[in-house]
Every structure is written in C-alpha cells, then in structure tokens.
Amino acid sequence: MKKVGLLCAWLMVAGASGPALAEVGQPGRLLASNCFQCHGTNGRGSAFDPVAGLSASETYKKLKEMQLGNEGNGIMPRHTMVYTDAQLQQIAYWFASQK
C-alpha cells in the first residue's frame, strides 16, 4: 500500500513539473526576465534602450564589458556581476530571438 502511495505522489509531482518547465521555454528566457523593468517585456524597450533583435554576439560582448567594469554606468554593471559567461550568452541569445 505504501509503494502505491509513493508512486502516485511521484507521478503527481512529475506531472506538475511538466507544464512549469514548458513555460520557461527557450534557455535564457527566465534569466532575461530580470531585465523587464527597464528594457520591457521581451526586450522591446520602455523608458530604456530596446534590446530585442540585436545581435547575440554584440549583446553578449556589451554585457561582458559591463561585467568587467569597462562599459556602462549606473545599475547595469551591478546586474551583470551575478551571471556566469554561459548565462550572459543565454540572455543574449534570448533577446536576439525576440524580433
């Protein structure tokens, strides 16, 4: 009886995680969601520069320069400090895919 209960509980958890994972979609989307307040939903801009559709390599280069303290001012260098190179690349590819 206990094995059946554990199996049912596992199946419920596994089933519940499927839609949640599907919502995340493309790699970088969740990471890029931190940018929405300044750059708008999907990077299409609001009060600040839009980043949607820009070259992934150029966006990554700019993010990396900000992370190293060589470019940008204000809050952007601070935001980039928490990301790994792979995460910065994922963010750049996500915004490049938003045309």
PDB file of N, CA and C in Angstrom:
ATOM      1  N   MET A   1       0.819  -1.199   0.000  1.00  0.00           N
ATOM      2  CA  MET A   1       0.000   0.000   0.000  1.00  0.00           C
ATOM      3  C   MET A   1       0.863   1.264   0.000  1.00  0.00           C
ATOM      4  N   LYS A   2       1.967   1.263   0.763  1.00  0.00           N
ATOM      5  CA  LYS A   2       2.832   2.437   0.821  1.00  0.00           C
ATOM      6  C   LYS A   2       3.505   2.688  -0.519  1.00  0.00           C
ATOM      7  N   LYS A   3       3.887   1.618  -1.219  1.00  0.00           N
ATOM      8  CA  LYS A   3       4.548   1.786  -2.515  1.00  0.00           C
ATOM      9  C   LYS A   3       3.615   2.442  -3.523  1.00  0.00           C
ATOM     10  N   VAL A   4       2.365   2.073  -3.517  1.00  0.00           N
ATOM     11  CA  VAL A   4       1.387   2.669  -4.429  1.00  0.00           C
ATOM     12  C   VAL A   4       1.211   4.148  -4.118  1.00  0.00           C
ATOM     13  N   GLY A   5       1.150   4.485  -2.843  1.00  0.00           N
ATOM     14  CA  GLY A   5       1.002   5.882  -2.442  1.00  0.00           C
ATOM     15  C   GLY A   5       2.200   6.718  -2.861  1.00  0.00           C
ATOM     16  N   LEU A   6       3.395   6.173  -2.703  1.00  0.00           N
ATOM     17  CA  LEU A   6       4.596   6.895  -3.112  1.00  0.00           C
ATOM     18  C   LEU A   6       4.645   7.068  -4.627  1.00  0.00           C
ATOM     19  N   LEU A   7       4.239   6.029  -5.354  1.00  0.00           N
ATOM     20  CA  LEU A   7       4.217   6.115  -6.802  1.00  0.00           C
ATOM     21  C   LEU A   7       3.230   7.188  -7.257  1.00  0.00           C
ATOM     22  N   CYS A   8       2.061   7.213  -6.667  1.00  0.00           N
ATOM     23  CA  CYS A   8       1.062   8.235  -7.017  1.00  0.00           C
ATOM     24  C   CYS A   8       1.577   9.637  -6.706  1.00  0.00           C
ATOM     25  N   ALA A   9       2.216   9.798  -5.560  1.00  0.00           N
ATOM     26  CA  ALA A   9       2.762  11.104  -5.182  1.00  0.00           C
ATOM     27  C   ALA A   9       3.848  11.527  -6.167  1.00  0.00           C
ATOM     28  N   TRP A  10       4.703  10.585  -6.561  1.00  0.00           N
ATOM     29  CA  TRP A  10       5.772  10.901  -7.504  1.00  0.00           C
ATOM     30  C   TRP A  10       5.188  11.306  -8.859  1.00  0.00           C
ATOM     31  N   LEU A  11       4.183  10.565  -9.311  1.00  0.00           N
ATOM     32  CA  LEU A  11       3.561  10.881 -10.597  1.00  0.00           C
ATOM     33  C   LEU A  11       2.899  12.252 -10.577  1.00  0.00           C
ATOM     34  N   MET A  12       2.304  12.618  -9.456  1.00  0.00           N
ATOM     35  CA  MET A  12       1.679  13.933  -9.346  1.00  0.00           C
ATOM     36  C   MET A  12       2.730  15.028  -9.423  1.00  0.00           C
ATOM     37  N   VAL A  13       3.859  14.833  -8.730  1.00  0.00           N
ATOM     38  CA  VAL A  13       4.931  15.826  -8.755  1.00  0.00           C
ATOM     39  C   VAL A  13       5.533  15.903 -10.146  1.00  0.00           C
ATOM     40  N   ALA A  14       5.801  14.759 -10.760  1.00  0.00           N
ATOM     41  CA  ALA A  14       6.379  14.742 -12.105  1.00  0.00           C
ATOM     42  C   ALA A  14       5.441  15.394 -13.101  1.00  0.00           C
ATOM     43  N   GLY A  15       4.159  15.129 -12.993  1.00  0.00           N
ATOM     44  CA  GLY A  15       3.185  15.731 -13.892  1.00  0.00           C
ATOM     45  C   GLY A  15       3.060  17.219 -13.685  1.00  0.00           C
ATOM     46  N   ALA A  16       3.185  17.658 -12.444  1.00  0.00           N
ATOM     47  CA  ALA A  16       3.056  19.080 -12.150  1.00  0.00           C
ATOM     48  C   ALA A  16       4.248  19.863 -12.671  1.00  0.00           C
ATOM     49  N   SER A  17       5.400  19.228 -12.733  1.00  0.00           N
ATOM     50  CA  SER A  17       6.581  19.965 -13.170  1.00  0.00           C
ATOM     51  C   SER A  17       6.635  20.115 -14.683  1.00  0.00           C
ATOM     52  N   GLY A  18       5.919  19.272 -15.422  1.00  0.00           N
ATOM     53  CA  GLY A  18       5.934  19.347 -16.878  1.00  0.00           C
ATOM     54  C   GLY A  18       5.483  20.687 -17.420  1.00  0.00           C
ATOM     55  N   PRO A  19       4.276  21.156 -17.091  1.00  0.00           N
ATOM     56  CA  PRO A  19       3.829  22.457 -17.588  1.00  0.00           C
ATOM     57  C   PRO A  19       4.707  23.608 -17.104  1.00  0.00           C
ATOM     58  N   ALA A  20       5.196  23.512 -15.882  1.00  0.00           N
ATOM     59  CA  ALA A  20       6.046  24.579 -15.357  1.00  0.00           C
ATOM     60  C   ALA A  20       7.325  24.679 -16.180  1.00  0.00           C
ATOM     61  N   LEU A  21       7.893  23.539 -16.536  1.00  0.00           N
ATOM     62  CA  LEU A  21       9.101  23.562 -17.354  1.00  0.00           C
ATOM     63  C   LEU A  21       8.797  24.060 -18.754  1.00  0.00           C
ATOM     64  N   ALA A  22       7.641  23.725 -19.274  1.00  0.00           N
ATOM     65  CA  ALA A  22       7.273  24.161 -20.616  1.00  0.00           C
ATOM     66  C   ALA A  22       7.126  25.677 -20.685  1.00  0.00           C
ATOM     67  N   GLU A  23       6.702  26.311 -19.602  1.00  0.00           N
ATOM     68  CA  GLU A  23       6.528  27.759 -19.590  1.00  0.00           C
ATOM     69  C   GLU A  23       7.854  28.492 -19.685  1.00  0.00           C
ATOM     70  N   VAL A  24       8.917  27.889 -19.183  1.00  0.00           N
ATOM     71  CA  VAL A  24      10.228  28.534 -19.216  1.00  0.00           C
ATOM     72  C   VAL A  24      10.692  28.672 -20.654  1.00  0.00           C
ATOM     73  N   GLY A  25      10.412  27.670 -21.481  1.00  0.00           N
ATOM     74  CA  GLY A  25      10.728  27.746 -22.902  1.00  0.00           C
ATOM     75  C   GLY A  25      12.202  27.770 -23.196  1.00  0.00           C
ATOM     76  N   GLN A  26      12.583  28.658 -24.053  1.00  0.00           N
ATOM     77  CA  GLN A  26      13.937  28.773 -24.554  1.00  0.00           C
ATOM     78  C   GLN A  26      14.927  29.104 -23.430  1.00  0.00           C
ATOM     79  N   PRO A  27      16.131  28.509 -23.476  1.00  0.00           N
ATOM     80  CA  PRO A  27      17.135  28.878 -22.474  1.00  0.00           C
ATOM     81  C   PRO A  27      17.376  30.381 -22.498  1.00  0.00           C
ATOM     82  N   GLY A  28      17.507  30.966 -21.383  1.00  0.00           N
ATOM     83  CA  GLY A  28      17.745  32.402 -21.272  1.00  0.00           C
ATOM     84  C   GLY A  28      16.507  33.213 -20.977  1.00  0.00           C
ATOM     85  N   ARG A  29      15.342  32.659 -21.248  1.00  0.00           N
ATOM     86  CA  ARG A  29      14.115  33.423 -21.026  1.00  0.00           C
ATOM     87  C   ARG A  29      13.937  33.781 -19.555  1.00  0.00           C
ATOM     88  N   LEU A  30      14.131  32.812 -18.696  1.00  0.00           N
ATOM     89  CA  LEU A  30      13.970  33.072 -17.265  1.00  0.00           C
ATOM     90  C   LEU A  30      15.024  34.059 -16.778  1.00  0.00           C
ATOM     91  N   LEU A  31      16.252  33.899 -17.243  1.00  0.00           N
ATOM     92  CA  LEU A  31      17.310  34.838 -16.854  1.00  0.00           C
ATOM     93  C   LEU A  31      16.990  36.247 -17.354  1.00  0.00           C
ATOM     94  N   ALA A  32      16.528  36.346 -18.578  1.00  0.00           N
ATOM     95  CA  ALA A  32      16.225  37.648 -19.178  1.00  0.00           C
ATOM     96  C   ALA A  32      15.008  38.313 -18.558  1.00  0.00           C
ATOM     97  N   SER A  33      14.195  37.545 -17.860  1.00  0.00           N
ATOM     98  CA  SER A  33      13.012  38.140 -17.243  1.00  0.00           C
ATOM     99  C   SER A  33      13.382  39.172 -16.181  1.00  0.00           C
ATOM    100  N   ASN A  34      14.609  39.130 -15.700  1.00  0.00           N
ATOM    101  CA  ASN A  34      15.066  40.132 -14.734  1.00  0.00           C
ATOM    102  C   ASN A  34      15.256  41.502 -15.374  1.00  0.00           C
ATOM    103  N   CYS A  35      15.275  41.554 -16.683  1.00  0.00           N
ATOM    104  CA  CYS A  35      15.554  42.794 -17.401  1.00  0.00           C
ATOM    105  C   CYS A  35      14.296  43.592 -17.751  1.00  0.00           C
ATOM    106  N   PHE A  36      13.124  43.020 -17.482  1.00  0.00           N
ATOM    107  CA  PHE A  36      11.882  43.605 -17.998  1.00  0.00           C
ATOM    108  C   PHE A  36      11.568  44.988 -17.456  1.00  0.00           C
ATOM    109  N   GLN A  37      11.963  45.285 -16.230  1.00  0.00           N
ATOM    110  CA  GLN A  37      11.567  46.575 -15.661  1.00  0.00           C
ATOM    111  C   GLN A  37      12.151  47.755 -16.428  1.00  0.00           C
ATOM    112  N   CYS A  38      13.341  47.593 -16.934  1.00  0.00           N
ATOM    113  CA  CYS A  38      13.964  48.687 -17.680  1.00  0.00           C
ATOM    114  C   CYS A  38      13.860  48.516 -19.187  1.00  0.00           C
ATOM    115  N   HIS A  39      13.951  47.290 -19.666  1.00  0.00           N
ATOM    116  CA  HIS A  39      14.005  47.054 -21.105  1.00  0.00           C
ATOM    117  C   HIS A  39      12.706  46.510 -21.682  1.00  0.00           C
ATOM    118  N   GLY A  40      11.681  46.394 -20.868  1.00  0.00           N
ATOM    119  CA  GLY A  40      10.377  45.964 -21.348  1.00  0.00           C
ATOM    120  C   GLY A  40      10.264  44.460 -21.515  1.00  0.00           C
ATOM    121  N   THR A  41       9.054  43.988 -21.635  1.00  0.00           N
ATOM    122  CA  THR A  41       8.794  42.578 -21.844  1.00  0.00           C
ATOM    123  C   THR A  41       9.436  42.141 -23.152  1.00  0.00           C
ATOM    124  N   ASN A  42      10.168  41.069 -23.118  1.00  0.00           N
ATOM    125  CA  ASN A  42      10.870  40.524 -24.281  1.00  0.00           C
ATOM    126  C   ASN A  42      11.881  41.490 -24.887  1.00  0.00           C
ATOM    127  N   GLY A  43      12.336  42.465 -24.081  1.00  0.00           N
ATOM    128  CA  GLY A  43      13.398  43.364 -24.522  1.00  0.00           C
ATOM    129  C   GLY A  43      12.988  44.414 -25.528  1.00  0.00           C
ATOM    130  N   ARG A  44      11.724  44.690 -25.644  1.00  0.00           N
ATOM    131  CA  ARG A  44      11.249  45.647 -26.649  1.00  0.00           C
ATOM    132  C   ARG A  44      11.270  47.097 -26.161  1.00  0.00           C
ATOM    133  N   GLY A  45      11.819  47.307 -24.995  1.00  0.00           N
ATOM    134  CA  GLY A  45      12.030  48.655 -24.523  1.00  0.00           C
ATOM    135  C   GLY A  45      10.832  49.298 -23.867  1.00  0.00           C
ATOM    136  N   SER A  46      11.125  50.225 -23.053  1.00  0.00           N
ATOM    137  CA  SER A  46      10.135  51.090 -22.415  1.00  0.00           C
ATOM    138  C   SER A  46      10.840  52.428 -22.295  1.00  0.00           C
ATOM    139  N   ALA A  47      11.267  52.779 -21.126  1.00  0.00           N
ATOM    140  CA  ALA A  47      11.979  54.042 -20.945  1.00  0.00           C
ATOM    141  C   ALA A  47      13.459  53.916 -21.329  1.00  0.00           C
ATOM    142  N   PHE A  48      13.957  52.687 -21.442  1.00  0.00           N
ATOM    143  CA  PHE A  48      15.369  52.467 -21.748  1.00  0.00           C
ATOM    144  C   PHE A  48      15.513  51.812 -23.114  1.00  0.00           C
ATOM    145  N   ASP A  49      16.747  51.628 -23.539  1.00  0.00           N
ATOM    146  CA  ASP A  49      17.021  51.059 -24.857  1.00  0.00           C
ATOM    147  C   ASP A  49      16.388  49.687 -25.044  1.00  0.00           C
ATOM    148  N   PRO A  50      15.763  49.462 -26.213  1.00  0.00           N
ATOM    149  CA  PRO A  50      15.288  48.119 -26.519  1.00  0.00           C
ATOM    150  C   PRO A  50      16.483  47.216 -26.840  1.00  0.00           C
ATOM    151  N   VAL A  51      16.394  45.973 -26.456  1.00  0.00           N
ATOM    152  CA  VAL A  51      17.475  45.017 -26.717  1.00  0.00           C
ATOM    153  C   VAL A  51      17.008  43.839 -27.558  1.00  0.00           C
ATOM    154  N   ALA A  52      15.738  43.786 -27.881  1.00  0.00           N
ATOM    155  CA  ALA A  52      15.195  42.691 -28.687  1.00  0.00           C
ATOM    156  C   ALA A  52      15.732  42.765 -30.111  1.00  0.00           C
ATOM    157  N   GLY A  53      16.111  41.600 -30.635  1.00  0.00           N
ATOM    158  CA  GLY A  53      16.534  41.506 -32.016  1.00  0.00           C
ATOM    159  C   GLY A  53      17.947  41.952 -32.308  1.00  0.00           C
ATOM    160  N   LEU A  54      18.652  42.432 -31.317  1.00  0.00           N
ATOM    161  CA  LEU A  54      20.051  42.802 -31.531  1.00  0.00           C
ATOM    162  C   LEU A  54      20.886  41.538 -31.666  1.00  0.00           C
ATOM    163  N   SER A  55      22.028  41.648 -32.269  1.00  0.00           N
ATOM    164  CA  SER A  55      22.925  40.515 -32.440  1.00  0.00           C
ATOM    165  C   SER A  55      23.295  39.911 -31.084  1.00  0.00           C
ATOM    166  N   ALA A  56      23.195  38.583 -30.994  1.00  0.00           N
ATOM    167  CA  ALA A  56      23.533  37.907 -29.741  1.00  0.00           C
ATOM    168  C   ALA A  56      24.996  38.134 -29.378  1.00  0.00           C
ATOM    169  N   SER A  57      25.874  38.099 -30.368  1.00  0.00           N
ATOM    170  CA  SER A  57      27.300  38.279 -30.069  1.00  0.00           C
ATOM    171  C   SER A  57      27.588  39.689 -29.574  1.00  0.00           C
ATOM    172  N   GLU A  58      26.940  40.683 -30.175  1.00  0.00           N
ATOM    173  CA  GLU A  58      27.146  42.070 -29.737  1.00  0.00           C
ATOM    174  C   GLU A  58      26.549  42.301 -28.343  1.00  0.00           C
ATOM    175  N   THR A  59      25.368  41.746 -28.098  1.00  0.00           N
ATOM    176  CA  THR A  59      24.744  41.887 -26.777  1.00  0.00           C
ATOM    177  C   THR A  59      25.605  41.216 -25.716  1.00  0.00           C
ATOM    178  N   TYR A  60      26.092  40.011 -26.008  1.00  0.00           N
ATOM    179  CA  TYR A  60      26.970  39.322 -25.053  1.00  0.00           C
ATOM    180  C   TYR A  60      28.224  40.149 -24.797  1.00  0.00           C
ATOM    181  N   LYS A  61      28.819  40.685 -25.859  1.00  0.00           N
ATOM    182  CA  LYS A  61      30.038  41.488 -25.712  1.00  0.00           C
ATOM    183  C   LYS A  61      29.794  42.685 -24.795  1.00  0.00           C
ATOM    184  N   LYS A  62      28.660  43.371 -25.005  1.00  0.00           N
ATOM    185  CA  LYS A  62      28.340  44.533 -24.161  1.00  0.00           C
ATOM    186  C   LYS A  62      28.102  44.119 -22.706  1.00  0.00           C
ATOM    187  N   LEU A  63      27.366  43.023 -22.525  1.00  0.00           N
ATOM    188  CA  LEU A  63      27.126  42.538 -21.152  1.00  0.00           C
ATOM    189  C   LEU A  63      28.434  42.169 -20.468  1.00  0.00           C
ATOM    190  N   LYS A  64      29.324  41.524 -21.203  1.00  0.00           N
ATOM    191  CA  LYS A  64      30.614  41.113 -20.638  1.00  0.00           C
ATOM    192  C   LYS A  64      31.457  42.331 -20.292  1.00  0.00           C
ATOM    193  N   GLU A  65      31.455  43.338 -21.153  1.00  0.00           N
ATOM    194  CA  GLU A  65      32.201  44.565 -20.878  1.00  0.00           C
ATOM    195  C   GLU A  65      31.656  45.263 -19.630  1.00  0.00           C
ATOM    196  N   MET A  66      30.339  45.250 -19.482  1.00  0.00           N
ATOM    197  CA  MET A  66      29.740  45.833 -18.279  1.00  0.00           C
ATOM    198  C   MET A  66      30.151  45.037 -17.044  1.00  0.00           C
ATOM    199  N   GLN A  67      30.153  43.731 -17.177  1.00  0.00           N
ATOM    200  CA  GLN A  67      30.532  42.873 -16.056  1.00  0.00           C
ATOM    201  C   GLN A  67      31.978  43.136 -15.621  1.00  0.00           C
ATOM    202  N   LEU A  68      32.836  43.397 -16.586  1.00  0.00           N
ATOM    203  CA  LEU A  68      34.251  43.670 -16.287  1.00  0.00           C
ATOM    204  C   LEU A  68      34.492  45.108 -15.842  1.00  0.00           C
ATOM    205  N   GLY A  69      33.442  45.935 -15.902  1.00  0.00           N
ATOM    206  CA  GLY A  69      33.567  47.328 -15.474  1.00  0.00           C
ATOM    207  C   GLY A  69      34.120  48.240 -16.546  1.00  0.00           C
ATOM    208  N   ASN A  70      34.173  47.773 -17.793  1.00  0.00           N
ATOM    209  CA  ASN A  70      34.736  48.564 -18.889  1.00  0.00           C
ATOM    210  C   ASN A  70      33.698  49.374 -19.643  1.00  0.00           C
ATOM    211  N   GLU A  71      32.434  49.137 -19.382  1.00  0.00           N
ATOM    212  CA  GLU A  71      31.377  49.838 -20.113  1.00  0.00           C
ATOM    213  C   GLU A  71      30.165  49.992 -19.203  1.00  0.00           C
ATOM    214  N   GLY A  72      29.376  50.991 -19.512  1.00  0.00           N
ATOM    215  CA  GLY A  72      28.134  51.179 -18.777  1.00  0.00           C
ATOM    216  C   GLY A  72      28.331  51.943 -17.486  1.00  0.00           C
ATOM    217  N   ASN A  73      27.232  52.450 -17.005  1.00  0.00           N
ATOM    218  CA  ASN A  73      27.244  53.137 -15.726  1.00  0.00           C
ATOM    219  C   ASN A  73      25.938  52.826 -15.028  1.00  0.00           C
ATOM    220  N   GLY A  74      25.798  53.318 -13.852  1.00  0.00           N
ATOM    221  CA  GLY A  74      24.568  53.075 -13.116  1.00  0.00           C
ATOM    222  C   GLY A  74      24.451  51.635 -12.649  1.00  0.00           C
ATOM    223  N   ILE A  75      23.304  51.065 -12.895  1.00  0.00           N
ATOM    224  CA  ILE A  75      22.984  49.770 -12.321  1.00  0.00           C
ATOM    225  C   ILE A  75      23.405  48.579 -13.189  1.00  0.00           C
ATOM    226  N   MET A  76      23.597  48.776 -14.487  1.00  0.00           N
ATOM    227  CA  MET A  76      23.886  47.650 -15.377  1.00  0.00           C
ATOM    228  C   MET A  76      25.132  46.847 -14.988  1.00  0.00           C
ATOM    229  N   PRO A  77      26.252  47.468 -14.691  1.00  0.00           N
ATOM    230  CA  PRO A  77      27.403  46.655 -14.279  1.00  0.00           C
ATOM    231  C   PRO A  77      27.098  45.791 -13.051  1.00  0.00           C
ATOM    232  N   ARG A  78      26.307  46.318 -12.145  1.00  0.00           N
ATOM    233  CA  ARG A  78      25.943  45.544 -10.949  1.00  0.00           C
ATOM    234  C   ARG A  78      25.065  44.351 -11.311  1.00  0.00           C
ATOM    235  N   HIS A  79      24.150  44.551 -12.233  1.00  0.00           N
ATOM    236  CA  HIS A  79      23.274  43.449 -12.651  1.00  0.00           C
ATOM    237  C   HIS A  79      24.077  42.322 -13.291  1.00  0.00           C
ATOM    238  N   THR A  80      25.050  42.655 -14.099  1.00  0.00           N
ATOM    239  CA  THR A  80      25.785  41.636 -14.834  1.00  0.00           C
ATOM    240  C   THR A  80      26.733  40.825 -13.951  1.00  0.00           C
ATOM    241  N   MET A  81      27.108  41.354 -12.813  1.00  0.00           N
ATOM    242  CA  MET A  81      28.069  40.669 -11.935  1.00  0.00           C
ATOM    243  C   MET A  81      27.602  39.295 -11.455  1.00  0.00           C
ATOM    244  N   VAL A  82      26.315  39.092 -11.368  1.00  0.00           N
ATOM    245  CA  VAL A  82      25.806  37.852 -10.780  1.00  0.00           C
ATOM    246  C   VAL A  82      25.710  36.703 -11.777  1.00  0.00           C
ATOM    247  N   TYR A  83      25.969  36.966 -13.053  1.00  0.00           N
ATOM    248  CA  TYR A  83      25.802  35.947 -14.081  1.00  0.00           C
ATOM    249  C   TYR A  83      27.130  35.327 -14.507  1.00  0.00           C
ATOM    250  N   THR A  84      27.067  34.059 -14.855  1.00  0.00           N
ATOM    251  CA  THR A  84      28.224  33.380 -15.439  1.00  0.00           C
ATOM    252  C   THR A  84      28.291  33.748 -16.921  1.00  0.00           C
ATOM    253  N   ASP A  85      29.394  33.405 -17.569  1.00  0.00           N
ATOM    254  CA  ASP A  85      29.507  33.645 -19.013  1.00  0.00           C
ATOM    255  C   ASP A  85      28.402  32.917 -19.773  1.00  0.00           C
ATOM    256  N   ALA A  86      28.136  31.672 -19.390  1.00  0.00           N
ATOM    257  CA  ALA A  86      27.094  30.889 -20.060  1.00  0.00           C
ATOM    258  C   ALA A  86      25.729  31.548 -19.898  1.00  0.00           C
ATOM    259  N   GLN A  87      25.453  32.087 -18.730  1.00  0.00           N
ATOM    260  CA  GLN A  87      24.174  32.747 -18.504  1.00  0.00           C
ATOM    261  C   GLN A  87      24.066  34.041 -19.309  1.00  0.00           C
ATOM    262  N   LEU A  88      25.149  34.793 -19.391  1.00  0.00           N
ATOM    263  CA  LEU A  88      25.140  36.004 -20.214  1.00  0.00           C
ATOM    264  C   LEU A  88      24.885  35.654 -21.679  1.00  0.00           C
ATOM    265  N   GLN A  89      25.468  34.551 -22.142  1.00  0.00           N
ATOM    266  CA  GLN A  89      25.231  34.112 -23.515  1.00  0.00           C
ATOM    267  C   GLN A  89      23.770  33.718 -23.714  1.00  0.00           C
ATOM    268  N   GLN A  90      23.199  33.031 -22.743  1.00  0.00           N
ATOM    269  CA  GLN A  90      21.793  32.644 -22.844  1.00  0.00           C
ATOM    270  C   GLN A  90      20.886  33.871 -22.901  1.00  0.00           C
ATOM    271  N   ILE A  91      21.181  34.856 -22.091  1.00  0.00           N
ATOM    272  CA  ILE A  91      20.405  36.105 -22.115  1.00  0.00           C
ATOM    273  C   ILE A  91      20.524  36.768 -23.484  1.00  0.00           C
ATOM    274  N   ALA A  92      21.739  36.844 -23.989  1.00  0.00           N
ATOM    275  CA  ALA A  92      21.970  37.474 -25.292  1.00  0.00           C
ATOM    276  C   ALA A  92      21.235  36.741 -26.407  1.00  0.00           C
ATOM    277  N   TYR A  93      21.273  35.413 -26.408  1.00  0.00           N
ATOM    278  CA  TYR A  93      20.566  34.635 -27.432  1.00  0.00           C
ATOM    279  C   TYR A  93      19.057  34.790 -27.308  1.00  0.00           C
ATOM    280  N   TRP A  94      18.558  34.883 -26.077  1.00  0.00           N
ATOM    281  CA  TRP A  94      17.117  35.059 -25.886  1.00  0.00           C
ATOM    282  C   TRP A  94      16.664  36.388 -26.502  1.00  0.00           C
ATOM    283  N   PHE A  95      17.368  37.474 -26.162  1.00  0.00           N
ATOM    284  CA  PHE A  95      16.977  38.773 -26.700  1.00  0.00           C
ATOM    285  C   PHE A  95      17.148  38.833 -28.213  1.00  0.00           C
ATOM    286  N   ALA A  96      18.170  38.167 -28.747  1.00  0.00           N
ATOM    287  CA  ALA A  96      18.363  38.141 -30.199  1.00  0.00           C
ATOM    288  C   ALA A  96      17.204  37.448 -30.901  1.00  0.00           C
ATOM    289  N   SER A  97      16.576  36.499 -30.233  1.00  0.00           N
ATOM    290  CA  SER A  97      15.464  35.757 -30.838  1.00  0.00           C
ATOM    291  C   SER A  97      14.141  36.528 -30.775  1.00  0.00           C
ATOM    292  N   GLN A  98      14.109  37.627 -30.048  1.00  0.00           N
ATOM    293  CA  GLN A  98      12.899  38.439 -29.885  1.00  0.00           C
ATOM    294  C   GLN A  98      12.907  39.555 -30.916  1.00  0.00           C
ATOM    295  N   LYS A  99      12.304  39.310 -32.052  1.00  0.00           N
ATOM    296  CA  LYS A  99      12.356  40.289 -33.152  1.00  0.00           C
ATOM    297  C   LYS A  99      11.116  41.127 -33.221  1.00  0.00           C
TER     298      LYS A  99
END
